[in-house]
Amino acid sequence: MKALLIILVIVFSYLQYKLWIAEGRVQDSWSLEQRINTLEAENKILSERNNALQAEVSNLKSGLEVVEEKARNELGFVGKDETFFQYIEAGDGK
């Protein structure tokens, strides 16, 4: 009976060593779970961004109005038979 108790204590000690100290310990598992959660949150943000970009691409492919609007706003294009006027406010003379 005493030998069985000693064997059980040794096995229990070995298992505790493997669980808390040895390679593959619980802390490693916890840090990996935290890393997984961080990466999943990052993936969610990137997925939403990809969806927004995909919607913009489909808008650009579907109609010329969107392309024309982007060209006017971002690149300063002027349409055919249009005249561009730029007004510059006069300074106060100083």
Protein backbone atom coordinates (compact mmCIF):
# COMPACT_ATOMS: atom_id res chain seq x y z
CA MET A 1 0.00 0.00 0.00
CA LYS A 2 2.83 2.35 0.88
CA ALA A 3 4.62 1.55 -2.41
CA LEU A 4 1.45 2.34 -4.38
CA LEU A 5 1.15 5.68 -2.61
CA ILE A 6 4.79 6.50 -3.41
CA ILE A 7 4.26 5.55 -7.07
CA LEU A 8 1.13 7.72 -7.25
CA VAL A 9 2.96 10.69 -5.70
CA ILE A 10 5.83 10.27 -8.19
CA VAL A 11 3.42 10.03 -11.14
CA PHE A 12 1.48 13.02 -9.85
CA SER A 13 4.67 15.03 -9.42
CA TYR A 14 5.82 14.11 -12.92
CA LEU A 15 2.47 15.15 -14.40
CA GLN A 16 2.55 18.45 -12.51
CA TYR A 17 6.08 19.06 -13.81
CA LYS A 18 4.94 18.40 -17.39
CA LEU A 19 1.88 20.59 -16.91
CA TRP A 20 3.53 23.68 -15.42
CA ILE A 21 7.26 23.61 -16.18
CA ALA A 22 8.22 21.37 -19.10
CA GLU A 23 7.91 22.15 -22.80
CA GLY A 24 4.29 22.44 -23.90
CA ARG A 25 3.17 23.80 -20.54
CA VAL A 26 -0.17 25.46 -19.82
CA GLN A 27 1.23 28.98 -20.13
CA ASP A 28 2.26 28.23 -23.71
CA SER A 29 -1.27 27.12 -24.44
CA TRP A 30 -2.69 30.29 -22.91
CA SER A 31 -0.35 32.50 -24.92
CA LEU A 32 -1.25 30.65 -28.10
CA GLU A 33 -4.96 31.11 -27.39
CA GLN A 34 -4.37 34.83 -26.87
CA ARG A 35 -2.43 35.02 -30.14
CA ILE A 36 -5.27 33.22 -31.93
CA ASN A 37 -7.79 35.72 -30.56
CA THR A 38 -5.61 38.63 -31.65
CA LEU A 39 -5.20 37.22 -35.15
CA GLU A 40 -8.93 36.50 -35.45
CA ALA A 41 -9.73 40.12 -34.56
CA GLU A 42 -7.14 41.32 -37.07
CA ASN A 43 -8.60 39.02 -39.73
CA LYS A 44 -12.08 40.39 -39.06
CA ILE A 45 -10.88 43.96 -39.59
CA LEU A 46 -9.04 43.02 -42.78
CA SER A 47 -12.05 41.06 -44.04
CA GLU A 48 -14.30 44.09 -43.56
CA ARG A 49 -11.76 46.23 -45.41
CA ASN A 50 -11.61 43.69 -48.24
CA ASN A 51 -15.40 43.69 -48.48
CA ALA A 52 -15.45 47.49 -48.72
CA LEU A 53 -12.77 47.43 -51.42
CA GLN A 54 -14.65 44.71 -53.31
CA ALA A 55 -17.81 46.83 -53.23
CA GLU A 56 -15.85 49.80 -54.56
CA VAL A 57 -14.37 47.67 -57.36
CA SER A 58 -17.82 46.40 -58.36
CA ASN A 59 -19.13 49.99 -58.36
CA LEU A 60 -16.26 51.09 -60.58
CA LYS A 61 -16.88 48.20 -62.98
CA SER A 62 -20.64 48.69 -63.14
CA GLY A 63 -21.02 52.33 -64.04
CA LEU A 64 -19.21 55.21 -65.63
CA GLU A 65 -20.76 57.71 -63.21
CA VAL A 66 -18.59 56.46 -60.37
CA VAL A 67 -15.46 56.56 -62.53
CA GLU A 68 -16.29 60.07 -63.69
CA GLU A 69 -16.94 61.26 -60.13
CA LYS A 70 -13.63 59.83 -58.91
CA ALA A 71 -11.79 61.41 -61.85
CA ARG A 72 -13.32 64.81 -61.15
CA ASN A 73 -12.82 64.76 -57.38
CA GLU A 74 -9.44 63.08 -57.09
CA LEU A 75 -7.72 63.98 -60.36
CA GLY A 76 -9.38 67.26 -61.32
CA PHE A 77 -10.59 66.10 -64.71
CA VAL A 78 -12.92 68.31 -66.73
CA GLY A 79 -15.52 66.80 -69.04
CA LYS A 80 -15.79 67.27 -72.78
CA ASP A 81 -17.35 70.63 -73.75
CA GLU A 82 -16.85 71.94 -70.22
CA THR A 83 -14.88 74.97 -69.11
CA PHE A 84 -12.96 75.07 -65.86
CA PHE A 85 -12.96 78.31 -63.89
CA GLN A 86 -10.75 78.87 -60.90
CA TYR A 87 -11.49 81.78 -58.62
CA ILE A 88 -8.71 83.17 -56.48
CA GLU A 89 -9.70 85.52 -53.72
CA ALA A 90 -7.79 88.75 -53.65
CA GLY A 91 -5.58 89.28 -50.63
CA ASP A 92 -5.97 92.27 -48.36
CA GLY A 93 -3.14 94.07 -50.14
CA LYS A 94 -0.37 93.42 -47.68
